[in-house]
Amino acid sequence: MSVLEMIRQNNGLFYGILSVLAVMLVLCLIRAAIGPRIADRLVAVNMIGTMVIVSIAILALVKNEGYLVDICLIYALISFLSVIVLTRIYTGVYRDAKEEEKEKKEDGEHADPE
């Protein structure tokens, strides 16, 4: 039995997996929207990217289209870079907030009590 015959026999399984991924994608989208922390949102965005990549790979198998694998790889690179950029932005904002808190504490300690 060839791989293509196995894929054709298990089309229902693949569509079931795609349905589960769609539900999980909506749940991650909700988590990204409500947070509550930025770290939760970053993880949710990363999970959404991963699930889209898996969905495209499954569609490439089911439809037997090679160009979908190329799209999957490009999307993986873009998703990886976007998460790295968002993490860099988040850590920069976090450091700035910590420095401001530290400066406020130092200014409060150095104030002359009169």
PDB file of N, CA and C in Angstrom:
ATOM      1  N   MET A   1       0.840  -1.176   0.000  1.00  0.00           N
ATOM      2  CA  MET A   1       0.000   0.000   0.000  1.00  0.00           C
ATOM      3  C   MET A   1       0.889   1.243   0.000  1.00  0.00           C
ATOM      4  N   SER A   2       0.621   2.141  -0.930  1.00  0.00           N
ATOM      5  CA  SER A   2       1.443   3.345  -1.030  1.00  0.00           C
ATOM      6  C   SER A   2       0.949   4.411  -0.059  1.00  0.00           C
ATOM      7  N   VAL A   3       1.760   5.423   0.090  1.00  0.00           N
ATOM      8  CA  VAL A   3       1.436   6.517   1.001  1.00  0.00           C
ATOM      9  C   VAL A   3       0.190   7.260   0.528  1.00  0.00           C
ATOM     10  N   LEU A   4       0.072   7.460  -0.766  1.00  0.00           N
ATOM     11  CA  LEU A   4      -1.096   8.166  -1.297  1.00  0.00           C
ATOM     12  C   LEU A   4      -2.387   7.410  -1.030  1.00  0.00           C
ATOM     13  N   GLU A   5      -2.344   6.085  -1.110  1.00  0.00           N
ATOM     14  CA  GLU A   5      -3.542   5.287  -0.807  1.00  0.00           C
ATOM     15  C   GLU A   5      -3.905   5.403   0.666  1.00  0.00           C
ATOM     16  N   MET A   6      -2.899   5.415   1.524  1.00  0.00           N
ATOM     17  CA  MET A   6      -3.162   5.566   2.953  1.00  0.00           C
ATOM     18  C   MET A   6      -3.773   6.928   3.259  1.00  0.00           C
ATOM     19  N   ILE A   7      -3.278   7.962   2.583  1.00  0.00           N
ATOM     20  CA  ILE A   7      -3.819   9.308   2.796  1.00  0.00           C
ATOM     21  C   ILE A   7      -5.259   9.380   2.313  1.00  0.00           C
ATOM     22  N   ARG A   8      -5.546   8.794   1.178  1.00  0.00           N
ATOM     23  CA  ARG A   8      -6.916   8.807   0.655  1.00  0.00           C
ATOM     24  C   ARG A   8      -7.867   8.045   1.571  1.00  0.00           C
ATOM     25  N   GLN A   9      -7.410   6.980   2.185  1.00  0.00           N
ATOM     26  CA  GLN A   9      -8.261   6.206   3.090  1.00  0.00           C
ATOM     27  C   GLN A   9      -8.516   6.958   4.393  1.00  0.00           C
ATOM     28  N   ASN A  10      -7.604   7.820   4.799  1.00  0.00           N
ATOM     29  CA  ASN A  10      -7.724   8.514   6.074  1.00  0.00           C
ATOM     30  C   ASN A  10      -8.095   9.988   5.926  1.00  0.00           C
ATOM     31  N   ASN A  11      -8.771  10.345   4.841  1.00  0.00           N
ATOM     32  CA  ASN A  11      -9.180  11.728   4.654  1.00  0.00           C
ATOM     33  C   ASN A  11     -10.067  12.212   5.789  1.00  0.00           C
ATOM     34  N   GLY A  12     -10.963  11.376   6.250  1.00  0.00           N
ATOM     35  CA  GLY A  12     -11.850  11.753   7.360  1.00  0.00           C
ATOM     36  C   GLY A  12     -11.054  12.064   8.624  1.00  0.00           C
ATOM     37  N   LEU A  13     -10.015  11.296   8.876  1.00  0.00           N
ATOM     38  CA  LEU A  13      -9.156  11.535  10.031  1.00  0.00           C
ATOM     39  C   LEU A  13      -8.464  12.895   9.912  1.00  0.00           C
ATOM     40  N   PHE A  14      -7.966  13.193   8.721  1.00  0.00           N
ATOM     41  CA  PHE A  14      -7.286  14.473   8.523  1.00  0.00           C
ATOM     42  C   PHE A  14      -8.245  15.644   8.693  1.00  0.00           C
ATOM     43  N   TYR A  15      -9.457  15.502   8.165  1.00  0.00           N
ATOM     44  CA  TYR A  15     -10.438  16.579   8.325  1.00  0.00           C
ATOM     45  C   TYR A  15     -10.877  16.719   9.778  1.00  0.00           C
ATOM     46  N   GLY A  16     -10.912  15.612  10.515  1.00  0.00           N
ATOM     47  CA  GLY A  16     -11.196  15.680  11.944  1.00  0.00           C
ATOM     48  C   GLY A  16     -10.098  16.415  12.702  1.00  0.00           C
ATOM     49  N   ILE A  17      -8.857  16.136  12.339  1.00  0.00           N
ATOM     50  CA  ILE A  17      -7.729  16.827  12.967  1.00  0.00           C
ATOM     51  C   ILE A  17      -7.788  18.316  12.644  1.00  0.00           C
ATOM     52  N   LEU A  18      -8.135  18.665  11.402  1.00  0.00           N
ATOM     53  CA  LEU A  18      -8.258  20.078  11.031  1.00  0.00           C
ATOM     54  C   LEU A  18      -9.367  20.767  11.824  1.00  0.00           C
ATOM     55  N   SER A  19     -10.461  20.043  12.094  1.00  0.00           N
ATOM     56  CA  SER A  19     -11.552  20.617  12.893  1.00  0.00           C
ATOM     57  C   SER A  19     -11.095  20.887  14.320  1.00  0.00           C
ATOM     58  N   VAL A  20     -10.366  19.942  14.907  1.00  0.00           N
ATOM     59  CA  VAL A  20      -9.855  20.133  16.266  1.00  0.00           C
ATOM     60  C   VAL A  20      -8.875  21.307  16.300  1.00  0.00           C
ATOM     61  N   LEU A  21      -8.023  21.402  15.290  1.00  0.00           N
ATOM     62  CA  LEU A  21      -7.087  22.523  15.215  1.00  0.00           C
ATOM     63  C   LEU A  21      -7.819  23.857  15.089  1.00  0.00           C
ATOM     64  N   ALA A  22      -8.926  23.872  14.356  1.00  0.00           N
ATOM     65  CA  ALA A  22      -9.694  25.114  14.204  1.00  0.00           C
ATOM     66  C   ALA A  22     -10.283  25.552  15.545  1.00  0.00           C
ATOM     67  N   VAL A  23     -10.791  24.600  16.317  1.00  0.00           N
ATOM     68  CA  VAL A  23     -11.337  24.932  17.642  1.00  0.00           C
ATOM     69  C   VAL A  23     -10.222  25.436  18.554  1.00  0.00           C
ATOM     70  N   MET A  24      -9.081  24.763  18.541  1.00  0.00           N
ATOM     71  CA  MET A  24      -7.950  25.198  19.367  1.00  0.00           C
ATOM     72  C   MET A  24      -7.438  26.566  18.937  1.00  0.00           C
ATOM     73  N   LEU A  25      -7.480  26.845  17.636  1.00  0.00           N
ATOM     74  CA  LEU A  25      -7.046  28.132  17.131  1.00  0.00           C
ATOM     75  C   LEU A  25      -7.945  29.249  17.662  1.00  0.00           C
ATOM     76  N   VAL A  26      -9.259  29.005  17.699  1.00  0.00           N
ATOM     77  CA  VAL A  26     -10.187  30.003  18.232  1.00  0.00           C
ATOM     78  C   VAL A  26      -9.932  30.217  19.725  1.00  0.00           C
ATOM     79  N   LEU A  27      -9.659  29.150  20.458  1.00  0.00           N
ATOM     80  CA  LEU A  27      -9.370  29.285  21.889  1.00  0.00           C
ATOM     81  C   LEU A  27      -8.084  30.073  22.127  1.00  0.00           C
ATOM     82  N   CYS A  28      -7.079  29.842  21.306  1.00  0.00           N
ATOM     83  CA  CYS A  28      -5.838  30.620  21.432  1.00  0.00           C
ATOM     84  C   CYS A  28      -6.056  32.077  21.054  1.00  0.00           C
ATOM     85  N   LEU A  29      -6.926  32.318  20.096  1.00  0.00           N
ATOM     86  CA  LEU A  29      -7.249  33.695  19.727  1.00  0.00           C
ATOM     87  C   LEU A  29      -7.933  34.420  20.883  1.00  0.00           C
ATOM     88  N   ILE A  30      -8.804  33.716  21.588  1.00  0.00           N
ATOM     89  CA  ILE A  30      -9.454  34.292  22.773  1.00  0.00           C
ATOM     90  C   ILE A  30      -8.411  34.583  23.843  1.00  0.00           C
ATOM     91  N   ARG A  31      -7.482  33.652  24.065  1.00  0.00           N
ATOM     92  CA  ARG A  31      -6.425  33.868  25.065  1.00  0.00           C
ATOM     93  C   ARG A  31      -5.558  35.066  24.677  1.00  0.00           C
ATOM     94  N   ALA A  32      -5.272  35.209  23.400  1.00  0.00           N
ATOM     95  CA  ALA A  32      -4.465  36.348  22.957  1.00  0.00           C
ATOM     96  C   ALA A  32      -5.211  37.661  23.157  1.00  0.00           C
ATOM     97  N   ALA A  33      -6.525  37.628  23.059  1.00  0.00           N
ATOM     98  CA  ALA A  33      -7.303  38.863  23.206  1.00  0.00           C
ATOM     99  C   ALA A  33      -7.468  39.272  24.669  1.00  0.00           C
ATOM    100  N   ILE A  34      -7.706  38.294  25.561  1.00  0.00           N
ATOM    101  CA  ILE A  34      -7.998  38.654  26.952  1.00  0.00           C
ATOM    102  C   ILE A  34      -6.778  38.652  27.849  1.00  0.00           C
ATOM    103  N   GLY A  35      -5.693  38.059  27.416  1.00  0.00           N
ATOM    104  CA  GLY A  35      -4.454  38.139  28.207  1.00  0.00           C
ATOM    105  C   GLY A  35      -4.416  37.228  29.410  1.00  0.00           C
ATOM    106  N   PRO A  36      -4.255  37.682  30.592  1.00  0.00           N
ATOM    107  CA  PRO A  36      -4.179  39.040  31.112  1.00  0.00           C
ATOM    108  C   PRO A  36      -2.787  39.660  30.994  1.00  0.00           C
ATOM    109  N   ARG A  37      -1.742  38.841  30.893  1.00  0.00           N
ATOM    110  CA  ARG A  37      -0.383  39.399  30.789  1.00  0.00           C
ATOM    111  C   ARG A  37       0.071  39.348  29.336  1.00  0.00           C
ATOM    112  N   ILE A  38       1.090  40.120  29.061  1.00  0.00           N
ATOM    113  CA  ILE A  38       1.640  40.142  27.703  1.00  0.00           C
ATOM    114  C   ILE A  38       2.302  38.805  27.378  1.00  0.00           C
ATOM    115  N   ALA A  39       2.878  38.156  28.371  1.00  0.00           N
ATOM    116  CA  ALA A  39       3.502  36.855  28.132  1.00  0.00           C
ATOM    117  C   ALA A  39       2.463  35.827  27.676  1.00  0.00           C
ATOM    118  N   ASP A  40       1.256  35.884  28.247  1.00  0.00           N
ATOM    119  CA  ASP A  40       0.179  34.994  27.806  1.00  0.00           C
ATOM    120  C   ASP A  40      -0.171  35.251  26.344  1.00  0.00           C
ATOM    121  N   ARG A  41      -0.188  36.513  25.989  1.00  0.00           N
ATOM    122  CA  ARG A  41      -0.513  36.872  24.604  1.00  0.00           C
ATOM    123  C   ARG A  41       0.574  36.397  23.638  1.00  0.00           C
ATOM    124  N   LEU A  42       1.828  36.527  24.040  1.00  0.00           N
ATOM    125  CA  LEU A  42       2.927  36.071  23.179  1.00  0.00           C
ATOM    126  C   LEU A  42       2.865  34.561  22.959  1.00  0.00           C
ATOM    127  N   VAL A  43       2.605  33.822  24.008  1.00  0.00           N
ATOM    128  CA  VAL A  43       2.509  32.362  23.876  1.00  0.00           C
ATOM    129  C   VAL A  43       1.321  31.990  22.995  1.00  0.00           C
ATOM    130  N   ALA A  44       0.207  32.707  23.152  1.00  0.00           N
ATOM    131  CA  ALA A  44      -0.971  32.425  22.323  1.00  0.00           C
ATOM    132  C   ALA A  44      -0.699  32.713  20.850  1.00  0.00           C
ATOM    133  N   VAL A  45      -0.015  33.802  20.564  1.00  0.00           N
ATOM    134  CA  VAL A  45       0.318  34.127  19.172  1.00  0.00           C
ATOM    135  C   VAL A  45       1.259  33.074  18.595  1.00  0.00           C
ATOM    136  N   ASN A  46       2.198  32.611  19.383  1.00  0.00           N
ATOM    137  CA  ASN A  46       3.108  31.553  18.932  1.00  0.00           C
ATOM    138  C   ASN A  46       2.339  30.260  18.656  1.00  0.00           C
ATOM    139  N   MET A  47       1.399  29.933  19.527  1.00  0.00           N
ATOM    140  CA  MET A  47       0.596  28.719  19.324  1.00  0.00           C
ATOM    141  C   MET A  47      -0.274  28.837  18.071  1.00  0.00           C
ATOM    142  N   ILE A  48      -0.832  30.012  17.842  1.00  0.00           N
ATOM    143  CA  ILE A  48      -1.639  30.210  16.639  1.00  0.00           C
ATOM    144  C   ILE A  48      -0.785  29.976  15.393  1.00  0.00           C
ATOM    145  N   GLY A  49       0.422  30.524  15.386  1.00  0.00           N
ATOM    146  CA  GLY A  49       1.322  30.308  14.252  1.00  0.00           C
ATOM    147  C   GLY A  49       1.642  28.842  14.036  1.00  0.00           C
ATOM    148  N   THR A  50       1.890  28.134  15.129  1.00  0.00           N
ATOM    149  CA  THR A  50       2.212  26.711  15.023  1.00  0.00           C
ATOM    150  C   THR A  50       1.026  25.913  14.490  1.00  0.00           C
ATOM    151  N   MET A  51      -0.168  26.227  14.969  1.00  0.00           N
ATOM    152  CA  MET A  51      -1.347  25.492  14.503  1.00  0.00           C
ATOM    153  C   MET A  51      -1.659  25.789  13.029  1.00  0.00           C
ATOM    154  N   VAL A  52      -1.411  27.004  12.588  1.00  0.00           N
ATOM    155  CA  VAL A  52      -1.606  27.324  11.168  1.00  0.00           C
ATOM    156  C   VAL A  52      -0.606  26.548  10.317  1.00  0.00           C
ATOM    157  N   ILE A  53       0.616  26.441  10.787  1.00  0.00           N
ATOM    158  CA  ILE A  53       1.633  25.682  10.055  1.00  0.00           C
ATOM    159  C   ILE A  53       1.227  24.214   9.938  1.00  0.00           C
ATOM    160  N   VAL A  54       0.750  23.639  11.030  1.00  0.00           N
ATOM    161  CA  VAL A  54       0.315  22.238  10.999  1.00  0.00           C
ATOM    162  C   VAL A  54      -0.886  22.074  10.071  1.00  0.00           C
ATOM    163  N   SER A  55      -1.804  23.025  10.108  1.00  0.00           N
ATOM    164  CA  SER A  55      -2.982  22.952   9.237  1.00  0.00           C
ATOM    165  C   SER A  55      -2.582  22.996   7.761  1.00  0.00           C
ATOM    166  N   ILE A  56      -1.661  23.872   7.428  1.00  0.00           N
ATOM    167  CA  ILE A  56      -1.204  23.945   6.037  1.00  0.00           C
ATOM    168  C   ILE A  56      -0.504  22.655   5.632  1.00  0.00           C
ATOM    169  N   ALA A  57       0.276  22.073   6.541  1.00  0.00           N
ATOM    170  CA  ALA A  57       0.963  20.811   6.227  1.00  0.00           C
ATOM    171  C   ALA A  57      -0.043  19.677   6.006  1.00  0.00           C
ATOM    172  N   ILE A  58      -1.094  19.623   6.812  1.00  0.00           N
ATOM    173  CA  ILE A  58      -2.113  18.584   6.629  1.00  0.00           C
ATOM    174  C   ILE A  58      -2.843  18.786   5.299  1.00  0.00           C
ATOM    175  N   LEU A  59      -3.158  20.042   4.980  1.00  0.00           N
ATOM    176  CA  LEU A  59      -3.804  20.301   3.694  1.00  0.00           C
ATOM    177  C   LEU A  59      -2.894  19.925   2.532  1.00  0.00           C
ATOM    178  N   ALA A  60      -1.591  20.109   2.682  1.00  0.00           N
ATOM    179  CA  ALA A  60      -0.655  19.705   1.629  1.00  0.00           C
ATOM    180  C   ALA A  60      -0.705  18.191   1.418  1.00  0.00           C
ATOM    181  N   LEU A  61      -0.862  17.443   2.510  1.00  0.00           N
ATOM    182  CA  LEU A  61      -0.979  15.986   2.383  1.00  0.00           C
ATOM    183  C   LEU A  61      -2.292  15.580   1.732  1.00  0.00           C
ATOM    184  N   VAL A  62      -3.386  16.164   2.207  1.00  0.00           N
ATOM    185  CA  VAL A  62      -4.703  15.764   1.716  1.00  0.00           C
ATOM    186  C   VAL A  62      -4.883  16.135   0.249  1.00  0.00           C
ATOM    187  N   LYS A  63      -4.473  17.336  -0.123  1.00  0.00           N
ATOM    188  CA  LYS A  63      -4.670  17.812  -1.496  1.00  0.00           C
ATOM    189  C   LYS A  63      -3.553  17.382  -2.443  1.00  0.00           C
ATOM    190  N   ASN A  64      -2.463  16.837  -1.881  1.00  0.00           N
ATOM    191  CA  ASN A  64      -1.321  16.388  -2.671  1.00  0.00           C
ATOM    192  C   ASN A  64      -0.756  17.531  -3.522  1.00  0.00           C
ATOM    193  N   GLU A  65      -0.583  18.676  -2.871  1.00  0.00           N
ATOM    194  CA  GLU A  65      -0.052  19.869  -3.536  1.00  0.00           C
ATOM    195  C   GLU A  65       1.286  20.227  -2.902  1.00  0.00           C
ATOM    196  N   GLY A  66       2.348  20.197  -3.700  1.00  0.00           N
ATOM    197  CA  GLY A  66       3.689  20.454  -3.194  1.00  0.00           C
ATOM    198  C   GLY A  66       3.941  21.905  -2.824  1.00  0.00           C
ATOM    199  N   TYR A  67       3.260  22.835  -3.526  1.00  0.00           N
ATOM    200  CA  TYR A  67       3.505  24.244  -3.236  1.00  0.00           C
ATOM    201  C   TYR A  67       3.034  24.630  -1.842  1.00  0.00           C
ATOM    202  N   LEU A  68       2.092  23.887  -1.267  1.00  0.00           N
ATOM    203  CA  LEU A  68       1.633  24.184   0.088  1.00  0.00           C
ATOM    204  C   LEU A  68       2.735  23.945   1.123  1.00  0.00           C
ATOM    205  N   VAL A  69       3.628  23.028   0.847  1.00  0.00           N
ATOM    206  CA  VAL A  69       4.758  22.795   1.750  1.00  0.00           C
ATOM    207  C   VAL A  69       5.685  24.004   1.735  1.00  0.00           C
ATOM    208  N   ASP A  70       5.893  24.588   0.567  1.00  0.00           N
ATOM    209  CA  ASP A  70       6.710  25.809   0.482  1.00  0.00           C
ATOM    210  C   ASP A  70       6.060  26.945   1.260  1.00  0.00           C
ATOM    211  N   ILE A  71       4.755  27.097   1.122  1.00  0.00           N
ATOM    212  CA  ILE A  71       4.028  28.120   1.869  1.00  0.00           C
ATOM    213  C   ILE A  71       4.148  27.861   3.366  1.00  0.00           C
ATOM    214  N   CYS A  72       4.087  26.611   3.744  1.00  0.00           N
ATOM    215  CA  CYS A  72       4.217  26.231   5.155  1.00  0.00           C
ATOM    216  C   CYS A  72       5.581  26.641   5.700  1.00  0.00           C
ATOM    217  N   LEU A  73       6.624  26.404   4.956  1.00  0.00           N
ATOM    218  CA  LEU A  73       7.971  26.773   5.396  1.00  0.00           C
ATOM    219  C   LEU A  73       8.142  28.287   5.490  1.00  0.00           C
ATOM    220  N   ILE A  74       7.618  29.003   4.523  1.00  0.00           N
ATOM    221  CA  ILE A  74       7.700  30.467   4.559  1.00  0.00           C
ATOM    222  C   ILE A  74       6.923  31.007   5.755  1.00  0.00           C
ATOM    223  N   TYR A  75       5.744  30.461   5.984  1.00  0.00           N
ATOM    224  CA  TYR A  75       4.939  30.903   7.124  1.00  0.00           C
ATOM    225  C   TYR A  75       5.652  30.600   8.443  1.00  0.00           C
ATOM    226  N   ALA A  76       6.346  29.467   8.518  1.00  0.00           N
ATOM    227  CA  ALA A  76       7.090  29.128   9.738  1.00  0.00           C
ATOM    228  C   ALA A  76       8.193  30.149   9.998  1.00  0.00           C
ATOM    229  N   LEU A  77       8.895  30.558   8.970  1.00  0.00           N
ATOM    230  CA  LEU A  77       9.946  31.567   9.133  1.00  0.00           C
ATOM    231  C   LEU A  77       9.369  32.904   9.576  1.00  0.00           C
ATOM    232  N   ILE A  78       8.277  33.318   8.949  1.00  0.00           N
ATOM    233  CA  ILE A  78       7.658  34.596   9.317  1.00  0.00           C
ATOM    234  C   ILE A  78       7.116  34.543  10.737  1.00  0.00           C
ATOM    235  N   SER A  79       6.513  33.430  11.112  1.00  0.00           N
ATOM    236  CA  SER A  79       5.972  33.282  12.465  1.00  0.00           C
ATOM    237  C   SER A  79       7.088  33.323  13.504  1.00  0.00           C
ATOM    238  N   PHE A  80       8.186  32.654  13.222  1.00  0.00           N
ATOM    239  CA  PHE A  80       9.315  32.653  14.141  1.00  0.00           C
ATOM    240  C   PHE A  80       9.869  34.064  14.323  1.00  0.00           C
ATOM    241  N   LEU A  81      10.056  34.766  13.224  1.00  0.00           N
ATOM    242  CA  LEU A  81      10.593  36.123  13.301  1.00  0.00           C
ATOM    243  C   LEU A  81       9.641  37.072  14.029  1.00  0.00           C
ATOM    244  N   SER A  82       8.351  36.917  13.797  1.00  0.00           N
ATOM    245  CA  SER A  82       7.398  37.802  14.470  1.00  0.00           C
ATOM    246  C   SER A  82       7.391  37.582  15.970  1.00  0.00           C
ATOM    247  N   VAL A  83       7.490  36.344  16.412  1.00  0.00           N
ATOM    248  CA  VAL A  83       7.534  36.072  17.851  1.00  0.00           C
ATOM    249  C   VAL A  83       8.827  36.626  18.456  1.00  0.00           C
ATOM    250  N   ILE A  84       9.932  36.509  17.750  1.00  0.00           N
ATOM    251  CA  ILE A  84      11.191  37.067  18.244  1.00  0.00           C
ATOM    252  C   ILE A  84      11.092  38.583  18.365  1.00  0.00           C
ATOM    253  N   VAL A  85      10.538  39.255  17.369  1.00  0.00           N
ATOM    254  CA  VAL A  85      10.400  40.711  17.407  1.00  0.00           C
ATOM    255  C   VAL A  85       9.468  41.135  18.539  1.00  0.00           C
ATOM    256  N   LEU A  86       8.344  40.459  18.678  1.00  0.00           N
ATOM    257  CA  LEU A  86       7.416  40.808  19.755  1.00  0.00           C
ATOM    258  C   LEU A  86       8.039  40.587  21.132  1.00  0.00           C
ATOM    259  N   THR A  87       8.830  39.540  21.275  1.00  0.00           N
ATOM    260  CA  THR A  87       9.497  39.285  22.547  1.00  0.00           C
ATOM    261  C   THR A  87      10.529  40.365  22.841  1.00  0.00           C
ATOM    262  N   ARG A  88      11.269  40.791  21.829  1.00  0.00           N
ATOM    263  CA  ARG A  88      12.243  41.875  22.015  1.00  0.00           C
ATOM    264  C   ARG A  88      11.549  43.165  22.449  1.00  0.00           C
ATOM    265  N   ILE A  89      10.434  43.481  21.811  1.00  0.00           N
ATOM    266  CA  ILE A  89       9.686  44.681  22.177  1.00  0.00           C
ATOM    267  C   ILE A  89       9.191  44.579  23.605  1.00  0.00           C
ATOM    268  N   TYR A  90       8.645  43.419  23.959  1.00  0.00           N
ATOM    269  CA  TYR A  90       8.118  43.218  25.306  1.00  0.00           C
ATOM    270  C   TYR A  90       9.209  43.346  26.358  1.00  0.00           C
ATOM    271  N   THR A  91      10.373  42.757  26.120  1.00  0.00           N
ATOM    272  CA  THR A  91      11.440  42.840  27.116  1.00  0.00           C
ATOM    273  C   THR A  91      11.973  44.264  27.225  1.00  0.00           C
ATOM    274  N   GLY A  92      12.005  45.009  26.122  1.00  0.00           N
ATOM    275  CA  GLY A  92      12.431  46.405  26.179  1.00  0.00           C
ATOM    276  C   GLY A  92      11.474  47.255  26.992  1.00  0.00           C
ATOM    277  N   VAL A  93      10.171  47.053  26.800  1.00  0.00           N
ATOM    278  CA  VAL A  93       9.174  47.797  27.564  1.00  0.00           C
ATOM    279  C   VAL A  93       9.262  47.419  29.039  1.00  0.00           C
ATOM    280  N   TYR A  94       9.467  46.140  29.320  1.00  0.00           N
ATOM    281  CA  TYR A  94       9.568  45.672  30.697  1.00  0.00           C
ATOM    282  C   TYR A  94      10.784  46.288  31.395  1.00  0.00           C
ATOM    283  N   ARG A  95      11.922  46.323  30.706  1.00  0.00           N
ATOM    284  CA  ARG A  95      13.130  46.922  31.293  1.00  0.00           C
ATOM    285  C   ARG A  95      12.946  48.414  31.554  1.00  0.00           C
ATOM    286  N   ASP A  96      12.320  49.116  30.611  1.00  0.00           N
ATOM    287  CA  ASP A  96      12.077  50.548  30.798  1.00  0.00           C
ATOM    288  C   ASP A  96      11.183  50.801  32.009  1.00  0.00           C
ATOM    289  N   ALA A  97      10.165  49.987  32.182  1.00  0.00           N
ATOM    290  CA  ALA A  97       9.269  50.153  33.332  1.00  0.00           C
ATOM    291  C   ALA A  97      10.015  49.885  34.631  1.00  0.00           C
ATOM    292  N   LYS A  98      10.867  48.886  34.658  1.00  0.00           N
ATOM    293  CA  LYS A  98      11.654  48.581  35.861  1.00  0.00           C
ATOM    294  C   LYS A  98      12.613  49.723  36.187  1.00  0.00           C
ATOM    295  N   GLU A  99      13.250  50.292  35.169  1.00  0.00           N
ATOM    296  CA  GLU A  99      14.176  51.409  35.396  1.00  0.00           C
ATOM    297  C   GLU A  99      13.433  52.634  35.930  1.00  0.00           C
ATOM    298  N   GLU A 100      12.242  52.898  35.413  1.00  0.00           N
ATOM    299  CA  GLU A 100      11.456  54.030  35.908  1.00  0.00           C
ATOM    300  C   GLU A 100      11.069  53.835  37.374  1.00  0.00           C
ATOM    301  N   GLU A 101      10.680  52.609  37.736  1.00  0.00           N
ATOM    302  CA  GLU A 101      10.351  52.315  39.134  1.00  0.00           C
ATOM    303  C   GLU A 101      11.576  52.513  40.025  1.00  0.00           C
ATOM    304  N   LYS A 102      12.722  52.063  39.554  1.00  0.00           N
ATOM    305  CA  LYS A 102      13.955  52.199  40.323  1.00  0.00           C
ATOM    306  C   LYS A 102      14.322  53.667  40.513  1.00  0.00           C
ATOM    307  N   GLU A 103      14.171  54.467  39.454  1.00  0.00           N
ATOM    308  CA  GLU A 103      14.471  55.897  39.551  1.00  0.00           C
ATOM    309  C   GLU A 103      13.511  56.599  40.508  1.00  0.00           C
ATOM    310  N   LYS A 104      12.251  56.225  40.484  1.00  0.00           N
ATOM    311  CA  LYS A 104      11.277  56.840  41.391  1.00  0.00           C
ATOM    312  C   LYS A 104      11.605  56.517  42.845  1.00  0.00           C
ATOM    313  N   LYS A 105      12.020  55.285  43.097  1.00  0.00           N
ATOM    314  CA  LYS A 105      12.395  54.899  44.463  1.00  0.00           C
ATOM    315  C   LYS A 105      13.630  55.668  44.917  1.00  0.00           C
ATOM    316  N   GLU A 106      14.613  55.796  44.021  1.00  0.00           N
ATOM    317  CA  GLU A 106      15.829  56.536  44.375  1.00  0.00           C
ATOM    318  C   GLU A 106      15.532  58.004  44.602  1.00  0.00           C
ATOM    319  N   ASP A 107      14.674  58.602  43.798  1.00  0.00           N
ATOM    320  CA  ASP A 107      14.295  60.009  43.980  1.00  0.00           C
ATOM    321  C   ASP A 107      13.553  60.209  45.295  1.00  0.00           C
ATOM    322  N   GLY A 108      12.733  59.229  45.664  1.00  0.00           N
ATOM    323  CA  GLY A 108      11.998  59.328  46.933  1.00  0.00           C
ATOM    324  C   GLY A 108      12.912  59.211  48.129  1.00  0.00           C
ATOM    325  N   GLU A 109      13.974  58.435  48.029  1.00  0.00           N
ATOM    326  CA  GLU A 109      14.915  58.260  49.133  1.00  0.00           C
ATOM    327  C   GLU A 109      15.832  59.466  49.266  1.00  0.00           C
ATOM    328  N   HIS A 110      16.167  60.112  48.173  1.00  0.00           N
ATOM    329  CA  HIS A 110      17.087  61.242  48.209  1.00  0.00           C
ATOM    330  C   HIS A 110      16.404  62.581  48.496  1.00  0.00           C
ATOM    331  N   ALA A 111      15.104  62.589  48.554  1.00  0.00           N
ATOM    332  CA  ALA A 111      14.383  63.838  48.835  1.00  0.00           C
ATOM    333  C   ALA A 111      14.663  64.277  50.265  1.00  0.00           C
ATOM    334  N   ASP A 112      14.868  65.590  50.459  1.00  0.00           N
ATOM    335  CA  ASP A 112      15.159  66.119  51.800  1.00  0.00           C
ATOM    336  C   ASP A 112      13.864  66.246  52.606  1.00  0.00           C
ATOM    337  N   PRO A 113      13.786  65.524  53.696  1.00  0.00           N
ATOM    338  CA  PRO A 113      12.591  65.678  54.544  1.00  0.00           C
ATOM    339  C   PRO A 113      12.669  66.980  55.333  1.00  0.00           C
ATOM    340  N   GLU A 114      11.735  67.882  55.142  1.00  0.00           N
ATOM    341  CA  GLU A 114      11.761  69.181  55.844  1.00  0.00           C
ATOM    342  C   GLU A 114      10.518  69.375  56.644  1.00  0.00           C
TER     343      GLU A 114
END
